[in-house]
Amino acid sequence: MPALTPSRPRPRPRSGSRVAVALLGAAGLALTAACSTGTPDEQPDAAATAAAGEQTPTMLPSAPVTMTSADVPDCLPEGVAAAQVGEGPAATTVAWAGAGDRGVLLAPQVDGDVCQWADELVRLAGQGYLVATYAWGASGEAGFTSAVDLLRATGATRLAFVGASAGGALSAGLADDLGATAVVALSPPAEYGAVDARAAASTFTGPLQVFSSTEDPQVPAADSAQVVRNDKTSVATEIPGTAHGIEFLAGAHAEHVRGVVDDALTQGFGG
């Protein structure tokens, strides 16, 4: 099994010329069903996808983040925008789609790129969310906060985090500081670097869903269990097997996990 990211073909760069249009808010980000590395059954509903593309992103007069146009890899469909966000060694590629004030950040595993969450980015944007993901880059935490900055710059006033492995630890550990309304973490370690994801160290009180597997070779279920609060809106789900992080969305439990993500977002954003 791969260490932290699913195997996939290396993406071929496409022209980033349309990204400047998206950054200026001149047009909505229309999604197509052409993109996914999954099966046709996993594609988002066509009507929902078209509806998401009809929205025009809300742009701030002066974005509080440095963005530079970037090429969009072939793993993402036409209509998804990408940019280099931030400056210097901490700069990272962020991809986003959809529109509205409900922002969803999909945080990758260590060394993951914008392709890792491609299917979910398209699916959730088709449900009416403004969705972003990012490449891990030199610092996963810097990439995480850059993606948050971009979501806010493109219209998000409320945020929810969904993360895999170390991205799950960042999602849970930064939720209170960054004002998240909901968190779903797949195989999160209780601590990652300077980020403490343990419930005992957090003031986050929103919906919190944590998935782990009984034989995870990288993050023991007992470690992920420390992320879960002891209340009705915080749930730990332990699944038999060795699935780790993003692998939960590629196996037999994928439909259930997606349903939990959807429910957590609905709860967090108030229905």
Protein backbone atom coordinates (compact mmCIF):
# COMPACT_ATOMS: atom_id res chain seq x y z
CA MET A 1 0.00 0.00 0.00
CA PRO A 2 1.28 3.54 -0.63
CA ALA A 3 2.71 5.39 2.31
CA LEU A 4 0.49 8.44 2.25
CA THR A 5 -0.86 9.10 -1.20
CA PRO A 6 -2.74 6.89 -3.70
CA SER A 7 -0.89 5.97 -6.86
CA ARG A 8 -1.87 8.01 -9.90
CA PRO A 9 -0.43 9.09 -13.27
CA ARG A 10 1.76 12.16 -13.25
CA PRO A 11 -0.44 15.12 -14.37
CA ARG A 12 0.40 17.02 -17.55
CA PRO A 13 0.25 20.81 -17.16
CA ARG A 14 -2.42 22.77 -19.01
CA SER A 15 -2.56 26.45 -19.72
CA GLY A 16 -3.30 28.60 -16.68
CA SER A 17 -4.66 31.54 -18.70
CA ARG A 18 -8.24 31.08 -17.46
CA VAL A 19 -7.09 31.33 -13.86
CA ALA A 20 -6.64 35.08 -14.11
CA VAL A 21 -10.29 35.40 -15.09
CA ALA A 22 -11.34 33.37 -12.05
CA LEU A 23 -9.16 35.44 -9.75
CA LEU A 24 -10.79 38.64 -11.00
CA GLY A 25 -14.27 37.21 -10.49
CA ALA A 26 -15.30 37.86 -14.10
CA ALA A 27 -17.00 34.49 -14.42
CA GLY A 28 -18.22 31.56 -12.35
CA LEU A 29 -16.25 28.36 -12.19
CA ALA A 30 -18.25 25.94 -14.33
CA LEU A 31 -17.61 22.33 -13.45
CA THR A 32 -17.75 19.43 -15.86
CA ALA A 33 -18.02 15.73 -15.18
CA ALA A 34 -15.00 15.04 -17.38
CA CYS A 35 -12.53 14.92 -14.68
CA SER A 36 -12.38 12.30 -12.23
CA THR A 37 -10.04 9.45 -11.66
CA GLY A 38 -12.98 7.46 -10.25
CA THR A 39 -15.72 5.50 -11.95
CA PRO A 40 -18.77 7.10 -13.64
CA ASP A 41 -20.87 6.19 -10.60
CA GLU A 42 -18.63 8.39 -8.48
CA GLN A 43 -19.16 11.49 -10.63
CA PRO A 44 -21.19 14.34 -9.12
CA ASP A 45 -24.77 14.81 -10.22
CA ALA A 46 -24.79 16.72 -13.53
CA ALA A 47 -27.57 19.12 -12.52
CA ALA A 48 -25.89 19.95 -9.22
CA THR A 49 -22.58 20.46 -11.01
CA ALA A 50 -24.13 22.81 -13.55
CA ALA A 51 -25.87 24.75 -10.77
CA ALA A 52 -22.56 25.23 -8.98
CA GLY A 53 -21.02 26.64 -12.13
CA GLU A 54 -23.79 29.21 -12.53
CA GLN A 55 -22.69 31.03 -9.38
CA THR A 56 -20.25 33.89 -9.65
CA PRO A 57 -17.53 33.94 -7.00
CA THR A 58 -17.62 36.91 -4.67
CA MET A 59 -14.29 38.69 -4.77
CA LEU A 60 -12.95 41.10 -2.21
CA PRO A 61 -11.77 44.52 -3.48
CA SER A 62 -8.28 43.71 -2.23
CA ALA A 63 -7.50 40.06 -1.58
CA PRO A 64 -5.52 39.58 1.68
CA VAL A 65 -3.26 37.03 0.05
CA THR A 66 -0.64 36.96 -2.70
CA MET A 67 -1.81 34.84 -5.66
CA THR A 68 -0.07 34.06 -8.94
CA SER A 69 -1.67 32.18 -11.84
CA ALA A 70 -0.67 28.51 -12.04
CA ASP A 71 -1.17 25.66 -14.48
CA VAL A 72 -4.01 23.25 -13.70
CA PRO A 73 -3.07 19.54 -13.82
CA ASP A 74 -5.08 17.14 -15.96
CA CYS A 75 -6.51 15.40 -12.89
CA LEU A 76 -8.82 18.41 -12.45
CA PRO A 77 -11.66 19.36 -14.85
CA GLU A 78 -12.09 22.48 -16.90
CA GLY A 79 -13.41 25.26 -14.71
CA VAL A 80 -11.27 24.48 -11.66
CA ALA A 81 -8.86 27.33 -10.97
CA ALA A 82 -5.35 27.09 -9.57
CA ALA A 83 -2.85 29.59 -8.21
CA GLN A 84 0.42 29.81 -6.37
CA VAL A 85 -0.51 31.29 -3.00
CA GLY A 86 1.95 32.92 -0.64
CA GLU A 87 5.53 33.98 -1.17
CA GLY A 88 8.96 32.39 -0.99
CA PRO A 89 9.57 28.82 0.24
CA ALA A 90 6.14 28.70 1.90
CA ALA A 91 4.27 29.28 -1.39
CA THR A 92 2.05 26.40 -2.46
CA THR A 93 -0.36 25.49 -5.25
CA VAL A 94 -4.04 25.84 -4.32
CA ALA A 95 -6.89 24.61 -6.54
CA TRP A 96 -10.50 25.64 -6.02
CA ALA A 97 -13.98 25.50 -7.53
CA GLY A 98 -17.54 26.48 -6.75
CA ALA A 99 -18.82 29.66 -5.14
CA GLY A 100 -20.66 31.02 -2.14
CA ASP A 101 -19.89 31.82 1.47
CA ARG A 102 -19.56 28.20 2.68
CA GLY A 103 -15.92 27.26 2.23
CA VAL A 104 -14.64 23.68 2.48
CA LEU A 105 -10.92 22.96 2.71
CA LEU A 106 -9.72 19.47 1.73
CA ALA A 107 -6.33 18.91 3.37
CA PRO A 108 -3.99 16.31 1.80
CA GLN A 109 -1.65 13.81 3.36
CA VAL A 110 2.09 14.51 3.54
CA ASP A 111 3.49 15.06 0.04
CA GLY A 112 -0.02 15.00 -1.46
CA ASP A 113 -0.84 17.36 -4.32
CA VAL A 114 -4.05 18.95 -5.63
CA CYS A 115 -4.93 15.68 -7.40
CA GLN A 116 -5.37 13.76 -4.15
CA TRP A 117 -8.80 15.26 -3.38
CA ALA A 118 -9.88 15.82 -7.02
CA ASP A 119 -13.04 13.70 -6.86
CA GLU A 120 -14.26 15.27 -3.62
CA LEU A 121 -13.46 18.81 -4.79
CA VAL A 122 -15.72 18.32 -7.82
CA ARG A 123 -18.43 16.49 -5.85
CA LEU A 124 -18.69 19.08 -3.06
CA ALA A 125 -18.49 22.06 -5.42
CA GLY A 126 -21.42 20.47 -7.24
CA GLN A 127 -23.35 20.60 -3.97
CA GLY A 128 -22.97 24.36 -3.76
CA TYR A 129 -19.84 24.78 -1.65
CA LEU A 130 -16.73 26.83 -2.40
CA VAL A 131 -14.06 24.11 -2.20
CA ALA A 132 -10.26 24.28 -2.14
CA THR A 133 -7.39 21.87 -1.81
CA TYR A 134 -3.64 22.37 -1.94
CA ALA A 135 -0.28 20.75 -2.56
CA TRP A 136 1.60 19.89 0.62
CA GLY A 137 4.69 21.83 -0.45
CA ALA A 138 7.51 22.66 1.93
CA SER A 139 5.15 23.07 4.87
CA GLY A 140 1.76 21.44 5.19
CA GLU A 141 0.66 23.95 7.79
CA ALA A 142 1.65 26.90 5.58
CA GLY A 143 -0.25 25.35 2.67
CA PHE A 144 -3.28 24.82 4.89
CA THR A 145 -3.41 28.44 6.01
CA SER A 146 -2.75 29.65 2.43
CA ALA A 147 -5.77 27.67 1.23
CA VAL A 148 -7.85 29.18 4.05
CA ASP A 149 -6.71 32.64 2.97
CA LEU A 150 -7.72 31.90 -0.61
CA LEU A 151 -11.17 30.63 0.41
CA ARG A 152 -11.77 33.81 2.38
CA ALA A 153 -10.47 35.96 -0.47
CA THR A 154 -12.89 34.28 -2.89
CA GLY A 155 -15.99 34.75 -0.75
CA ALA A 156 -16.05 32.21 2.09
CA THR A 157 -17.26 33.63 5.41
CA ARG A 158 -17.70 30.22 7.05
CA LEU A 159 -15.24 27.31 6.85
CA ALA A 160 -15.22 23.55 7.32
CA PHE A 161 -12.17 21.28 7.17
CA VAL A 162 -11.84 17.73 5.83
CA GLY A 163 -8.36 16.20 6.06
CA ALA A 164 -6.46 12.95 5.63
CA SER A 165 -3.67 11.73 7.92
CA ALA A 166 -1.46 14.74 8.73
CA GLY A 167 -4.03 16.88 6.92
CA GLY A 168 -6.60 15.53 9.36
CA ALA A 169 -4.41 16.52 12.30
CA LEU A 170 -4.12 20.04 10.87
CA SER A 171 -7.89 20.15 10.31
CA ALA A 172 -8.65 19.25 13.92
CA GLY A 173 -5.72 21.06 15.51
CA LEU A 174 -6.29 24.39 13.71
CA ALA A 175 -10.10 24.32 13.79
CA ASP A 176 -10.47 26.54 16.85
CA ASP A 177 -7.81 29.08 15.80
CA LEU A 178 -9.18 29.39 12.26
CA GLY A 179 -12.87 29.40 13.18
CA ALA A 180 -14.03 26.18 11.52
CA THR A 181 -17.67 25.11 11.81
CA ALA A 182 -17.10 21.37 11.20
CA VAL A 183 -14.20 18.92 10.89
CA VAL A 184 -13.85 15.44 9.39
CA ALA A 185 -10.45 13.78 9.94
CA LEU A 186 -9.38 10.51 8.31
CA SER A 187 -6.63 8.70 10.29
CA PRO A 188 -5.36 11.83 12.06
CA PRO A 189 -2.34 11.54 14.33
CA ALA A 190 -2.97 13.20 17.70
CA GLU A 191 -0.08 15.58 17.06
CA TYR A 192 1.71 16.68 13.91
CA GLY A 193 4.75 18.91 14.22
CA ALA A 194 3.78 21.87 16.37
CA VAL A 195 0.06 21.25 15.85
CA ASP A 196 -1.73 19.50 18.73
CA ALA A 197 -4.93 17.87 17.45
CA ARG A 198 -5.95 16.28 20.75
CA ALA A 199 -9.42 17.21 21.93
CA ALA A 200 -7.94 18.01 25.34
CA ALA A 201 -5.89 20.81 23.76
CA SER A 202 -8.68 22.32 21.64
CA THR A 203 -11.63 24.64 22.25
CA PHE A 204 -13.36 23.59 19.01
CA THR A 205 -16.98 22.60 19.72
CA GLY A 206 -18.44 22.02 16.24
CA PRO A 207 -19.27 18.68 14.59
CA LEU A 208 -16.14 16.50 14.65
CA GLN A 209 -15.97 13.14 12.87
CA VAL A 210 -12.84 10.97 13.11
CA PHE A 211 -12.20 7.79 11.11
CA SER A 212 -9.51 5.21 11.88
CA SER A 213 -8.83 1.58 10.98
CA THR A 214 -8.05 -1.28 13.33
CA GLU A 215 -4.75 -2.21 11.68
CA ASP A 216 -3.53 1.12 10.29
CA PRO A 217 0.25 0.66 9.91
CA GLN A 218 0.95 4.39 10.14
CA VAL A 219 -1.39 5.93 12.73
CA PRO A 220 -2.82 3.58 15.39
CA ALA A 221 -6.55 3.90 16.05
CA ALA A 222 -5.75 4.70 19.68
CA ASP A 223 -3.76 7.73 18.53
CA SER A 224 -6.61 9.03 16.36
CA ALA A 225 -9.03 8.45 19.24
CA GLN A 226 -7.33 11.26 21.19
CA VAL A 227 -8.69 13.73 18.63
CA VAL A 228 -12.31 12.93 19.54
CA ARG A 229 -14.24 14.85 22.19
CA ASN A 230 -16.54 13.14 24.66
CA ASP A 231 -19.85 14.62 23.49
CA LYS A 232 -22.70 13.87 21.08
CA THR A 233 -21.38 15.97 18.20
CA SER A 234 -17.97 14.28 18.20
CA VAL A 235 -17.89 10.73 16.81
CA ALA A 236 -15.08 8.19 16.35
CA THR A 237 -15.61 5.49 13.70
CA GLU A 238 -13.17 2.58 13.71
CA ILE A 239 -13.25 0.38 10.62
CA PRO A 240 -11.67 -3.09 10.27
CA GLY A 241 -8.61 -3.27 8.03
CA THR A 242 -5.55 -1.26 7.13
CA ALA A 243 -7.06 1.74 5.30
CA HIS A 244 -5.20 4.97 6.00
CA GLY A 245 -6.30 8.53 5.30
CA ILE A 246 -7.44 9.12 1.72
CA GLU A 247 -7.79 5.35 1.22
CA PHE A 248 -11.10 5.51 3.11
CA LEU A 249 -12.54 7.14 -0.03
CA ALA A 250 -11.36 4.38 -2.35
CA GLY A 251 -12.59 1.25 -0.58
CA ALA A 252 -15.75 -0.49 0.54
CA HIS A 253 -16.57 2.21 3.09
CA ALA A 254 -16.27 5.16 0.68
CA GLU A 255 -20.01 5.76 0.37
CA HIS A 256 -20.45 5.78 4.15
CA VAL A 257 -17.51 8.16 4.63
CA ARG A 258 -18.88 10.56 2.01
CA GLY A 259 -22.24 10.48 3.73
CA VAL A 260 -20.61 11.38 7.04
CA VAL A 261 -18.74 14.26 5.36
CA ASP A 262 -22.00 15.55 3.88
CA ASP A 263 -23.82 15.31 7.22
CA ALA A 264 -20.99 17.07 9.08
CA LEU A 265 -21.00 19.94 6.57
CA THR A 266 -24.78 20.25 6.79
CA GLN A 267 -24.57 20.37 10.59
CA GLY A 268 -21.64 22.75 10.66
CA PHE A 269 -23.16 25.21 8.21
CA GLY A 270 -26.53 25.08 9.93
CA GLY A 271 -28.46 23.05 7.37
